[in-house]
């Protein structure tokens, strides 16, 4: 979200703007993360340097990094696939 200074706060703001769904698909969270990082970069900020490196490298650490943020929503499960990791 514009003006946000923390990565987690930015992603949570996007989740809230999306209606605060109980679960969110990983690719949507990834889109939010990239949008947040782009906003920070355009303002000369880098509150999550490890995330920025994972985004630039598009590596497997990106998924682990996002999961480690403990957001207010679940993005590891889908309603019809309760035990499947995305």
N, C-alpha and C. Protein backbone atom coordinates (compact mmCIF):
# COMPACT_ATOMS: atom_id res chain seq x y z
N UNK A 1 0.84 -1.16 0.00
CA UNK A 1 0.00 0.00 0.00
C UNK A 1 0.89 1.23 0.00
N UNK A 2 0.48 2.24 -0.71
CA UNK A 2 1.25 3.47 -0.82
C UNK A 2 1.53 4.06 0.55
N UNK A 3 2.77 4.43 0.79
CA UNK A 3 3.15 5.04 2.04
C UNK A 3 3.53 4.07 3.14
N UNK A 4 3.27 2.80 2.95
CA UNK A 4 3.61 1.78 3.95
C UNK A 4 5.13 1.69 4.04
N UNK A 5 5.63 1.39 5.23
CA UNK A 5 7.08 1.29 5.40
C UNK A 5 7.55 -0.11 5.77
N UNK A 6 6.63 -1.05 6.01
CA UNK A 6 7.05 -2.42 6.28
C UNK A 6 6.48 -3.35 5.21
N UNK A 7 7.26 -4.36 4.86
CA UNK A 7 6.82 -5.30 3.84
C UNK A 7 5.56 -6.03 4.29
N UNK A 8 5.57 -6.55 5.49
CA UNK A 8 4.42 -7.29 5.99
C UNK A 8 3.18 -6.40 6.01
N UNK A 9 3.33 -5.16 6.47
CA UNK A 9 2.21 -4.22 6.50
C UNK A 9 1.65 -3.95 5.12
N UNK A 10 2.53 -3.87 4.14
CA UNK A 10 2.10 -3.63 2.77
C UNK A 10 1.27 -4.80 2.25
N UNK A 11 1.75 -6.02 2.45
CA UNK A 11 1.02 -7.20 1.97
C UNK A 11 -0.31 -7.35 2.70
N UNK A 12 -0.31 -7.13 4.01
CA UNK A 12 -1.55 -7.22 4.76
C UNK A 12 -2.53 -6.16 4.27
N UNK A 13 -2.05 -4.98 3.94
CA UNK A 13 -2.91 -3.94 3.40
C UNK A 13 -3.54 -4.35 2.09
N UNK A 14 -2.79 -5.02 1.24
CA UNK A 14 -3.34 -5.51 -0.03
C UNK A 14 -4.38 -6.60 0.22
N UNK A 15 -4.12 -7.45 1.20
CA UNK A 15 -5.07 -8.49 1.58
C UNK A 15 -6.37 -7.86 2.08
N UNK A 16 -6.26 -6.84 2.93
CA UNK A 16 -7.45 -6.15 3.43
C UNK A 16 -8.21 -5.48 2.30
N UNK A 17 -7.49 -4.87 1.37
CA UNK A 17 -8.13 -4.21 0.22
C UNK A 17 -8.84 -5.23 -0.68
N UNK A 18 -8.40 -6.48 -0.61
CA UNK A 18 -8.99 -7.56 -1.41
C UNK A 18 -10.16 -8.23 -0.67
N UNK A 19 -10.58 -7.64 0.46
CA UNK A 19 -11.73 -8.18 1.19
C UNK A 19 -11.38 -9.11 2.33
N UNK A 20 -10.11 -9.22 2.69
CA UNK A 20 -9.64 -10.06 3.79
C UNK A 20 -10.11 -11.51 3.71
N UNK A 21 -9.88 -12.17 2.56
CA UNK A 21 -10.31 -13.57 2.45
C UNK A 21 -9.54 -14.46 3.43
N UNK A 22 -10.18 -15.55 3.84
CA UNK A 22 -9.56 -16.47 4.79
C UNK A 22 -8.32 -17.15 4.19
N UNK A 23 -8.38 -17.45 2.90
CA UNK A 23 -7.23 -18.06 2.24
C UNK A 23 -6.97 -17.35 0.92
N UNK A 24 -5.72 -17.35 0.52
CA UNK A 24 -5.29 -16.68 -0.70
C UNK A 24 -4.31 -17.60 -1.41
N UNK A 25 -4.46 -17.74 -2.72
CA UNK A 25 -3.53 -18.58 -3.48
C UNK A 25 -2.13 -17.97 -3.47
N UNK A 26 -1.15 -18.83 -3.45
CA UNK A 26 0.25 -18.39 -3.39
C UNK A 26 0.58 -17.37 -4.47
N UNK A 27 0.13 -17.59 -5.69
CA UNK A 27 0.47 -16.66 -6.78
C UNK A 27 -0.07 -15.26 -6.53
N UNK A 28 -1.19 -15.15 -5.84
CA UNK A 28 -1.73 -13.83 -5.50
C UNK A 28 -0.84 -13.16 -4.47
N UNK A 29 -0.40 -13.93 -3.47
CA UNK A 29 0.51 -13.38 -2.46
C UNK A 29 1.82 -12.96 -3.12
N UNK A 30 2.29 -13.76 -4.05
CA UNK A 30 3.51 -13.42 -4.78
C UNK A 30 3.33 -12.11 -5.55
N UNK A 31 2.20 -11.94 -6.20
CA UNK A 31 1.92 -10.67 -6.91
C UNK A 31 1.96 -9.49 -5.95
N UNK A 32 1.32 -9.66 -4.78
CA UNK A 32 1.32 -8.59 -3.79
C UNK A 32 2.75 -8.28 -3.33
N UNK A 33 3.53 -9.31 -3.10
CA UNK A 33 4.91 -9.12 -2.65
C UNK A 33 5.72 -8.34 -3.68
N UNK A 34 5.56 -8.70 -4.94
CA UNK A 34 6.29 -8.02 -6.01
C UNK A 34 5.83 -6.57 -6.13
N UNK A 35 4.51 -6.34 -6.03
CA UNK A 35 3.98 -4.97 -6.08
C UNK A 35 4.52 -4.14 -4.92
N UNK A 36 4.53 -4.72 -3.73
CA UNK A 36 5.04 -4.01 -2.56
C UNK A 36 6.51 -3.68 -2.74
N UNK A 37 7.30 -4.66 -3.16
CA UNK A 37 8.72 -4.41 -3.33
C UNK A 37 8.97 -3.35 -4.39
N UNK A 38 8.21 -3.37 -5.47
CA UNK A 38 8.36 -2.34 -6.51
C UNK A 38 8.05 -0.95 -5.97
N UNK A 39 7.00 -0.86 -5.14
CA UNK A 39 6.66 0.42 -4.52
C UNK A 39 7.79 0.90 -3.63
N UNK A 40 8.33 -0.01 -2.79
CA UNK A 40 9.43 0.37 -1.93
C UNK A 40 10.64 0.82 -2.74
N UNK A 41 10.95 0.07 -3.78
CA UNK A 41 12.11 0.40 -4.61
C UNK A 41 11.96 1.77 -5.25
N UNK A 42 10.75 2.09 -5.71
CA UNK A 42 10.50 3.40 -6.35
C UNK A 42 10.66 4.55 -5.35
N UNK A 43 10.51 4.25 -4.06
CA UNK A 43 10.67 5.27 -3.02
C UNK A 43 12.06 5.22 -2.37
N UNK A 44 12.92 4.38 -2.93
CA UNK A 44 14.28 4.28 -2.41
C UNK A 44 14.37 3.53 -1.09
N UNK A 45 13.38 2.67 -0.83
CA UNK A 45 13.34 1.89 0.41
C UNK A 45 13.60 0.42 0.13
N UNK A 46 14.13 -0.27 1.13
CA UNK A 46 14.35 -1.71 1.00
C UNK A 46 14.17 -2.36 2.37
N UNK A 47 12.89 -2.39 2.88
CA UNK A 47 12.67 -2.95 4.20
C UNK A 47 12.85 -4.47 4.27
N UNK A 48 12.90 -5.12 3.12
CA UNK A 48 13.05 -6.58 3.10
C UNK A 48 14.09 -6.96 2.04
N UNK A 49 15.37 -6.70 2.32
CA UNK A 49 16.41 -6.97 1.32
C UNK A 49 16.50 -8.42 0.89
N UNK A 50 16.24 -9.34 1.82
CA UNK A 50 16.28 -10.76 1.46
C UNK A 50 15.18 -11.07 0.45
N UNK A 51 14.00 -10.52 0.68
CA UNK A 51 12.89 -10.70 -0.26
C UNK A 51 13.27 -10.18 -1.64
N UNK A 52 13.86 -8.99 -1.70
CA UNK A 52 14.22 -8.40 -2.99
C UNK A 52 15.19 -9.31 -3.75
N UNK A 53 16.13 -9.90 -3.05
CA UNK A 53 17.07 -10.82 -3.70
C UNK A 53 16.33 -12.06 -4.23
N UNK A 54 15.41 -12.60 -3.43
CA UNK A 54 14.64 -13.76 -3.89
C UNK A 54 13.80 -13.41 -5.11
N UNK A 55 13.21 -12.22 -5.13
CA UNK A 55 12.40 -11.80 -6.28
C UNK A 55 13.27 -11.68 -7.52
N UNK A 56 14.42 -11.03 -7.38
CA UNK A 56 15.31 -10.86 -8.52
C UNK A 56 15.81 -12.20 -9.06
N UNK A 57 16.07 -13.14 -8.17
CA UNK A 57 16.58 -14.45 -8.58
C UNK A 57 15.48 -15.44 -8.92
N UNK A 58 14.23 -15.12 -8.55
CA UNK A 58 13.08 -16.02 -8.75
C UNK A 58 13.42 -17.43 -8.26
N UNK A 59 13.97 -17.48 -7.06
CA UNK A 59 14.40 -18.78 -6.54
C UNK A 59 13.38 -19.37 -5.57
N UNK A 60 13.65 -20.58 -5.14
CA UNK A 60 12.73 -21.30 -4.26
C UNK A 60 12.65 -20.67 -2.87
N UNK A 61 13.63 -19.89 -2.52
CA UNK A 61 13.60 -19.23 -1.21
C UNK A 61 12.48 -18.22 -1.07
N UNK A 62 11.95 -17.76 -2.18
CA UNK A 62 10.87 -16.79 -2.17
C UNK A 62 9.64 -17.35 -1.47
N UNK A 63 9.26 -18.56 -1.79
CA UNK A 63 8.09 -19.20 -1.18
C UNK A 63 8.32 -19.37 0.33
N UNK A 64 9.49 -19.82 0.71
CA UNK A 64 9.81 -19.98 2.13
C UNK A 64 9.79 -18.64 2.85
N UNK A 65 10.33 -17.62 2.20
CA UNK A 65 10.34 -16.29 2.81
C UNK A 65 8.91 -15.81 3.07
N UNK A 66 8.05 -15.95 2.08
CA UNK A 66 6.67 -15.49 2.24
C UNK A 66 5.94 -16.28 3.32
N UNK A 67 6.16 -17.57 3.36
CA UNK A 67 5.50 -18.39 4.39
C UNK A 67 5.96 -18.00 5.79
N UNK A 68 7.19 -17.58 5.92
CA UNK A 68 7.74 -17.22 7.22
C UNK A 68 7.22 -15.92 7.79
N UNK A 69 6.44 -15.16 7.03
CA UNK A 69 5.95 -13.86 7.50
C UNK A 69 4.72 -13.94 8.36
N UNK A 70 4.09 -15.09 8.48
CA UNK A 70 2.91 -15.27 9.32
C UNK A 70 1.86 -14.18 9.09
N UNK A 71 1.34 -14.16 7.90
CA UNK A 71 0.29 -13.21 7.55
C UNK A 71 -1.02 -13.57 8.25
N UNK A 72 -2.01 -12.70 8.14
CA UNK A 72 -3.32 -12.92 8.77
C UNK A 72 -4.18 -13.91 7.98
N UNK A 73 -3.66 -14.43 6.90
CA UNK A 73 -4.43 -15.33 6.04
C UNK A 73 -3.60 -16.57 5.76
N UNK A 74 -4.26 -17.59 5.28
CA UNK A 74 -3.62 -18.85 4.96
C UNK A 74 -3.42 -18.93 3.46
N UNK A 75 -2.21 -19.14 3.01
CA UNK A 75 -2.01 -19.33 1.58
C UNK A 75 -1.32 -20.64 1.27
N UNK A 76 -1.30 -21.54 2.24
CA UNK A 76 -0.71 -22.85 1.98
C UNK A 76 -1.77 -23.91 1.70
N UNK A 77 -3.03 -23.59 1.93
CA UNK A 77 -4.10 -24.56 1.72
C UNK A 77 -5.22 -23.97 0.87
N UNK A 78 -5.85 -24.81 0.13
CA UNK A 78 -7.03 -24.42 -0.63
C UNK A 78 -8.22 -25.12 0.01
N UNK A 79 -9.43 -24.57 -0.10
CA UNK A 79 -10.59 -25.18 0.55
C UNK A 79 -10.79 -26.65 0.20
N UNK A 80 -10.54 -27.05 -1.03
CA UNK A 80 -10.79 -28.43 -1.44
C UNK A 80 -9.56 -29.32 -1.37
N UNK A 81 -8.46 -28.78 -0.93
CA UNK A 81 -7.21 -29.55 -0.84
C UNK A 81 -6.54 -29.23 0.48
N UNK A 82 -7.15 -29.53 1.58
CA UNK A 82 -6.72 -29.07 2.89
C UNK A 82 -5.27 -29.41 3.24
N UNK A 83 -4.73 -30.49 2.79
CA UNK A 83 -3.37 -30.85 3.21
C UNK A 83 -2.34 -30.73 2.09
N UNK A 84 -2.68 -30.09 1.03
CA UNK A 84 -1.76 -29.96 -0.09
C UNK A 84 -1.03 -28.62 -0.01
N UNK A 85 0.27 -28.65 -0.14
CA UNK A 85 1.06 -27.42 -0.14
C UNK A 85 1.13 -26.92 -1.58
N UNK A 86 0.87 -25.64 -1.76
CA UNK A 86 0.90 -25.05 -3.10
C UNK A 86 2.30 -25.00 -3.63
